[in-house]
Amino acid sequence: MERVDDQDRALGVVVSRRQATREGWLHRVAVTVCRDERGRILVHRRSEQLSRFPGLYEVMVGGAVDVGEWPHWLGVHEAVVPDTVAADPDEVAWNGWLTEPELRSTLPEWRFTPDSHEAFSRYLVRVR
């Protein structure tokens, strides 16, 4: 992945995800908010074995962006997916569907990853 500055300008330095995370370097991330055909939003809880945010909930799926793959610091997308999801048990301990009002009330109560709040806020601005 490519390091960027706080204005999302590429620094011309390619690093591993592990190194960027360990050093706290800014890098690009693209995520997708998944909805089913009824409009419910997919929420999942991260496996306890993951190195970053074990056991915390997330509102999106995605990850770090490879060099040249995406021009934004945090790109948020939407996808309509079938309501039967086959999650990787090494990464996902639980997943379920919440309506938007249910998710709004759950965000302050459950322990979500820090970027879940930011991504969901950006997503709501975009779909409104």
Protein backbone atom coordinates (compact mmCIF):
# COMPACT_ATOMS: atom_id res chain seq x y z
CA MET A 1 0.00 0.00 0.00
CA GLU A 2 1.01 3.58 -0.46
CA ARG A 3 1.57 6.04 2.37
CA VAL A 4 -0.29 9.35 2.09
CA ASP A 5 -0.15 12.61 3.99
CA ASP A 6 -3.04 14.19 5.90
CA GLN A 7 -4.29 15.73 2.64
CA ASP A 8 -4.37 12.30 0.88
CA ARG A 9 -1.33 13.13 -1.27
CA ALA A 10 0.76 10.11 -2.17
CA LEU A 11 4.21 10.20 -0.58
CA GLY A 12 5.70 7.80 -3.11
CA VAL A 13 6.48 5.25 -0.41
CA VAL A 14 5.12 1.71 -0.63
CA VAL A 15 4.76 -0.11 2.70
CA SER A 16 3.09 -3.25 4.01
CA ARG A 17 -0.24 -3.04 5.81
CA ARG A 18 1.40 -4.43 8.94
CA GLN A 19 4.09 -1.73 8.87
CA ALA A 20 1.58 1.09 8.21
CA THR A 21 -0.61 -0.11 11.08
CA ARG A 22 2.29 -0.62 13.48
CA GLU A 23 3.79 2.80 12.74
CA GLY A 24 0.44 4.62 12.62
CA TRP A 25 1.06 5.88 9.07
CA LEU A 26 -1.82 7.24 7.03
CA HIS A 27 -2.88 5.06 4.09
CA ARG A 28 -5.93 4.59 1.89
CA VAL A 29 -8.85 2.38 2.82
CA ALA A 30 -11.93 1.46 0.77
CA VAL A 31 -15.00 0.01 2.48
CA THR A 32 -18.46 -1.14 1.45
CA VAL A 33 -21.70 -0.88 3.39
CA CYS A 34 -23.72 -3.97 2.44
CA ARG A 35 -27.51 -3.84 2.33
CA ASP A 36 -29.96 -6.57 1.49
CA GLU A 37 -32.95 -6.06 -0.80
CA ARG A 38 -35.09 -5.01 2.20
CA GLY A 39 -32.62 -2.22 3.06
CA ARG A 40 -31.16 -3.82 6.18
CA ILE A 41 -27.45 -3.25 6.80
CA LEU A 42 -24.96 -6.05 7.37
CA VAL A 43 -23.14 -5.79 10.70
CA HIS A 44 -20.45 -8.18 11.88
CA ARG A 45 -18.27 -8.78 14.91
CA ARG A 46 -14.59 -9.31 14.28
CA SER A 47 -12.94 -12.52 15.42
CA GLU A 48 -11.11 -12.39 18.74
CA GLN A 49 -7.99 -13.72 16.94
CA LEU A 50 -7.56 -10.67 14.70
CA SER A 51 -4.66 -8.35 15.48
CA ARG A 52 -6.65 -5.15 14.92
CA PHE A 53 -9.85 -4.48 16.85
CA PRO A 54 -10.52 -8.08 17.97
CA GLY A 55 -14.12 -8.68 19.00
CA LEU A 56 -15.38 -5.25 17.91
CA TYR A 57 -18.34 -4.74 15.59
CA GLU A 58 -18.16 -3.26 12.10
CA VAL A 59 -20.67 -1.68 9.76
CA MET A 60 -18.65 -2.23 6.62
CA VAL A 61 -16.44 -4.69 4.83
CA GLY A 62 -13.24 -3.77 3.03
CA GLY A 63 -9.67 -2.97 3.76
CA ALA A 64 -6.46 -1.31 2.74
CA VAL A 65 -6.00 -0.20 -0.84
CA ASP A 66 -3.11 -1.30 -3.03
CA VAL A 67 -0.91 1.27 -4.79
CA GLY A 68 -2.82 2.99 -7.60
CA GLU A 69 -6.07 1.15 -6.81
CA TRP A 70 -8.15 3.94 -5.28
CA PRO A 71 -7.65 7.71 -5.16
CA HIS A 72 -9.32 8.49 -1.82
CA TRP A 73 -8.18 8.27 1.75
CA LEU A 74 -11.41 6.59 2.88
CA GLY A 75 -13.70 5.50 0.06
CA VAL A 76 -17.17 4.37 1.16
CA HIS A 77 -19.33 2.37 -1.22
CA GLU A 78 -22.67 0.58 -1.08
CA ALA A 79 -23.62 -2.86 -2.41
CA VAL A 80 -26.91 -4.74 -2.36
CA VAL A 81 -26.13 -8.36 -1.53
CA PRO A 82 -28.11 -11.53 -0.86
CA ASP A 83 -29.26 -11.84 2.75
CA THR A 84 -27.33 -15.11 3.12
CA VAL A 85 -23.68 -14.25 3.71
CA ALA A 86 -20.84 -16.77 3.98
CA ALA A 87 -18.40 -15.06 6.32
CA ASP A 88 -14.83 -16.26 6.85
CA PRO A 89 -14.85 -17.72 10.40
CA ASP A 90 -11.20 -16.72 10.85
CA GLU A 91 -12.21 -13.07 10.51
CA VAL A 92 -15.89 -12.90 11.48
CA ALA A 93 -17.28 -14.23 14.76
CA TRP A 94 -20.88 -13.15 14.11
CA ASN A 95 -22.89 -11.32 11.44
CA GLY A 96 -26.47 -10.16 11.17
CA TRP A 97 -28.78 -7.67 9.50
CA LEU A 98 -30.01 -4.48 11.20
CA THR A 99 -32.43 -1.85 9.99
CA GLU A 100 -31.07 1.68 9.88
CA PRO A 101 -32.94 2.69 13.09
CA GLU A 102 -31.65 -0.45 14.85
CA LEU A 103 -28.11 0.35 13.75
CA ARG A 104 -28.39 3.97 14.89
CA SER A 105 -29.40 2.82 18.38
CA THR A 106 -26.75 0.09 18.42
CA LEU A 107 -23.77 2.24 17.42
CA PRO A 108 -23.44 3.95 20.84
CA GLU A 109 -24.22 0.75 22.77
CA TRP A 110 -22.05 -1.91 21.12
CA ARG A 111 -18.27 -1.65 20.80
CA PHE A 112 -17.69 -0.73 17.14
CA THR A 113 -14.37 -0.12 15.42
CA PRO A 114 -13.48 3.59 15.36
CA ASP A 115 -13.79 3.78 11.58
CA SER A 116 -17.28 2.23 11.60
CA HIS A 117 -18.72 5.46 13.00
CA GLU A 118 -16.90 7.57 10.41
CA ALA A 119 -17.75 5.28 7.48
CA PHE A 120 -21.42 5.05 8.43
CA SER A 121 -21.68 8.84 8.81
CA ARG A 122 -20.13 9.34 5.37
CA TYR A 123 -22.39 6.69 3.93
CA LEU A 124 -25.55 8.34 5.32
CA VAL A 125 -24.53 11.71 3.87
CA ARG A 126 -24.02 10.08 0.49
CA VAL A 127 -27.35 8.18 0.34
CA ARG A 128 -29.49 11.06 1.64
